Amino acid sequence: ACIDARTGQPLWRFQLSAGGVNCSVLVQDDIVVAIHGQENVDSSEEGRMVGIRMPAKLPAPGEPMLILGKDNEAWRHPYSMFTSSATMANGRVYQVTKTGELVSIEAKTGKLYFAKKMENGQLHASPLSADGKLYVGFPNGAFYILNPKDDGVDVVDKSQLEGECLGQPTAWNG
């Protein structure tokens, strides 16, 4: 759902899944990128990542909200995630799927640049993009610093933390 932050007016909604969406969305120009891990509304498969075209004209104050549908989808991929949010750098979305695959997708067109298996699974830990690199933690304590390229990533460093990594890394002091 899109809500006017100044007035609280609902502007539009897009039914993405049969259940709730726990991952944050990203916006690139007029495309909203969203991912979920529930059953899809138009199939029995689980999970989807989509690029949703925002409407060119929003409702005026007092007008009803717009209901967006499949015609507003710019692209879709069958990736699934329950709680880890994507990050964006240079117009590309980087998402770790629930099966531990890092995907790189152009936000505007949905072009898949790569899908690379990193670990066996992912839960909660969202990737961070900073200083031209990706910082990604996994539930098993594996922590990667990655240099993204067009066709994959170079592993700059991999560390094994003493515990689980269930949160997004934070950049501080360079």
Protein backbone atom coordinates (compact mmCIF):
# COMPACT_ATOMS: atom_id res chain seq x y z
CA ALA A 1 0.00 0.00 0.00
CA CYS A 2 1.13 3.54 -0.70
CA ILE A 3 0.01 6.19 1.77
CA ASP A 4 0.58 9.96 1.60
CA ALA A 5 2.87 10.53 4.59
CA ARG A 6 1.69 14.13 5.06
CA THR A 7 -2.04 13.45 5.10
CA GLY A 8 -2.49 9.72 5.71
CA GLN A 9 -4.55 9.39 2.52
CA PRO A 10 -4.32 5.92 0.94
CA LEU A 11 -3.10 6.41 -2.64
CA TRP A 12 -2.81 2.91 -4.08
CA ARG A 13 -2.49 -0.76 -3.21
CA PHE A 14 -1.16 -3.86 -4.94
CA GLN A 15 -2.11 -7.35 -3.75
CA LEU A 16 1.26 -9.11 -3.74
CA SER A 17 0.56 -12.25 -1.72
CA ALA A 18 -2.02 -14.21 0.19
CA GLY A 19 -0.27 -13.30 3.45
CA GLY A 20 1.66 -10.39 4.88
CA VAL A 21 4.81 -8.88 3.43
CA ASN A 22 7.58 -8.47 6.01
CA CYS A 23 10.38 -7.25 3.74
CA SER A 24 10.90 -3.55 3.08
CA VAL A 25 10.30 -2.32 -0.47
CA LEU A 26 12.76 -0.35 -2.59
CA VAL A 27 11.95 2.47 -5.02
CA GLN A 28 13.90 3.26 -8.20
CA ASP A 29 12.35 6.08 -10.22
CA ASP A 30 8.76 4.89 -10.88
CA ILE A 31 9.36 1.21 -9.93
CA VAL A 32 8.63 -0.24 -6.49
CA VAL A 33 10.51 -3.51 -5.89
CA ALA A 34 8.93 -5.93 -3.43
CA ILE A 35 9.53 -9.54 -2.38
CA HIS A 36 7.52 -11.93 -0.23
CA GLY A 37 7.58 -15.52 0.95
CA GLN A 38 3.89 -16.38 1.16
CA GLU A 39 1.56 -18.04 -1.34
CA ASN A 40 1.02 -15.96 -4.46
CA VAL A 41 -2.46 -14.65 -5.22
CA ASP A 42 -2.40 -15.95 -8.81
CA SER A 43 -0.69 -19.33 -8.32
CA SER A 44 0.03 -21.89 -5.64
CA GLU A 45 3.76 -21.29 -5.76
CA GLU A 46 5.41 -19.63 -2.80
CA GLY A 47 7.19 -16.30 -3.04
CA ARG A 48 7.82 -13.73 -5.70
CA MET A 49 9.89 -10.64 -6.38
CA VAL A 50 8.20 -8.00 -8.53
CA GLY A 51 8.79 -4.58 -9.98
CA ILE A 52 5.56 -2.58 -9.69
CA ARG A 53 5.02 0.49 -11.88
CA MET A 54 3.68 3.32 -9.79
CA PRO A 55 0.66 5.07 -11.28
CA ALA A 56 1.41 8.25 -13.24
CA LYS A 57 -1.52 10.08 -11.62
CA LEU A 58 -2.40 9.72 -7.96
CA PRO A 59 -5.85 10.32 -6.49
CA ALA A 60 -6.65 13.86 -5.37
CA PRO A 61 -7.57 14.43 -1.71
CA GLY A 62 -10.86 12.67 -0.97
CA GLU A 63 -10.74 10.42 -4.05
CA PRO A 64 -10.63 6.64 -3.51
CA MET A 65 -7.30 4.83 -3.62
CA LEU A 66 -6.23 3.10 -6.82
CA ILE A 67 -6.17 -0.69 -6.98
CA LEU A 68 -3.17 -1.80 -9.02
CA GLY A 69 -3.06 -5.19 -10.75
CA LYS A 70 -0.99 -7.36 -13.06
CA ASP A 71 -0.93 -4.58 -15.68
CA ASN A 72 1.19 -2.58 -13.24
CA GLU A 73 3.84 -5.29 -12.99
CA ALA A 74 6.96 -4.26 -14.89
CA TRP A 75 8.60 -7.63 -14.18
CA ARG A 76 8.54 -10.65 -11.86
CA HIS A 77 10.92 -13.36 -10.66
CA PRO A 78 10.13 -16.52 -8.65
CA TYR A 79 12.43 -15.63 -5.72
CA SER A 80 11.18 -15.94 -2.16
CA MET A 81 12.06 -14.28 1.15
CA PHE A 82 10.13 -13.84 4.39
CA THR A 83 12.02 -11.20 6.35
CA SER A 84 15.30 -10.16 4.72
CA SER A 85 14.97 -6.91 2.81
CA ALA A 86 16.89 -6.10 -0.37
CA THR A 87 19.42 -3.35 -0.84
CA MET A 88 20.07 -1.27 -3.94
CA ALA A 89 23.21 0.10 -5.56
CA ASN A 90 23.57 1.72 -8.97
CA GLY A 91 20.02 0.82 -9.98
CA ARG A 92 20.45 -2.85 -9.11
CA VAL A 93 18.59 -4.74 -6.43
CA TYR A 94 20.60 -7.20 -4.34
CA GLN A 95 18.53 -9.75 -2.44
CA VAL A 96 19.48 -12.91 -0.59
CA THR A 97 16.70 -15.46 -1.04
CA LYS A 98 15.46 -17.84 1.63
CA THR A 99 17.58 -20.58 0.03
CA GLY A 100 20.81 -18.55 0.41
CA GLU A 101 21.10 -17.33 -3.17
CA LEU A 102 22.31 -13.77 -3.80
CA VAL A 103 20.52 -12.29 -6.81
CA SER A 104 21.26 -9.10 -8.70
CA ILE A 105 18.38 -7.61 -10.68
CA GLU A 106 18.07 -4.32 -12.53
CA ALA A 107 15.29 -2.45 -10.74
CA LYS A 108 13.91 -0.73 -13.84
CA THR A 109 13.75 -3.68 -16.25
CA GLY A 110 13.95 -6.80 -14.08
CA LYS A 111 17.02 -8.04 -15.96
CA LEU A 112 18.68 -10.77 -13.91
CA TYR A 113 22.43 -10.16 -13.81
CA PHE A 114 23.30 -13.15 -11.65
CA ALA A 115 22.09 -15.61 -9.03
CA LYS A 116 24.89 -17.01 -6.85
CA LYS A 117 24.48 -19.62 -4.14
CA MET A 118 26.21 -18.29 -1.01
CA GLU A 119 25.03 -20.46 1.90
CA ASN A 120 22.29 -23.01 2.61
CA GLY A 121 19.69 -20.54 3.80
CA GLN A 122 18.92 -17.03 4.91
CA LEU A 123 16.74 -15.63 7.63
CA HIS A 124 16.34 -12.00 8.68
CA ALA A 125 19.80 -10.63 7.79
CA SER A 126 19.45 -8.05 5.03
CA PRO A 127 22.46 -7.18 2.89
CA LEU A 128 24.11 -3.75 3.25
CA SER A 129 25.52 -1.81 0.31
CA ALA A 130 28.32 0.60 1.28
CA ASP A 131 31.54 1.82 -0.30
CA GLY A 132 30.85 -0.15 -3.50
CA LYS A 133 30.67 -3.45 -1.64
CA LEU A 134 27.98 -5.74 -0.25
CA TYR A 135 28.06 -6.90 3.36
CA VAL A 136 26.01 -10.04 3.96
CA GLY A 137 25.56 -12.12 7.11
CA PHE A 138 23.92 -15.55 7.38
CA PRO A 139 22.19 -17.44 10.21
CA ASN A 140 25.10 -19.89 10.46
CA GLY A 141 27.46 -17.00 11.34
CA ALA A 142 29.11 -16.74 7.92
CA PHE A 143 29.75 -13.10 7.06
CA TYR A 144 30.78 -11.97 3.58
CA ILE A 145 32.21 -8.79 2.14
CA LEU A 146 31.53 -8.92 -1.61
CA ASN A 147 32.55 -6.87 -4.60
CA PRO A 148 29.60 -7.00 -7.04
CA LYS A 149 30.26 -7.32 -10.78
CA ASP A 150 27.94 -7.67 -13.77
CA ASP A 151 28.13 -11.46 -13.79
CA GLY A 152 28.63 -12.28 -10.11
CA VAL A 153 30.56 -11.23 -7.05
CA ASP A 154 34.15 -11.49 -5.89
CA VAL A 155 34.51 -12.54 -2.26
CA VAL A 156 36.70 -9.86 -0.68
CA ASP A 157 36.50 -11.53 2.73
CA LYS A 158 34.58 -14.29 4.48
CA SER A 159 34.57 -14.51 8.27
CA GLN A 160 32.94 -16.94 10.63
CA LEU A 161 31.21 -15.18 13.53
CA GLU A 162 30.86 -16.90 16.90
CA GLY A 163 27.08 -16.80 16.80
CA GLU A 164 24.24 -16.35 14.35
CA CYS A 165 23.84 -13.30 12.16
CA LEU A 166 20.16 -12.37 12.15
CA GLY A 167 20.40 -8.59 11.60
CA GLN A 168 21.56 -6.23 8.89
CA PRO A 169 25.10 -4.90 9.19
CA THR A 170 25.49 -1.17 9.83
CA ALA A 171 28.19 1.06 8.37
CA TRP A 172 29.94 3.39 10.80
CA ASN A 173 32.96 5.69 10.68
CA GLY A 174 34.00 4.69 7.15
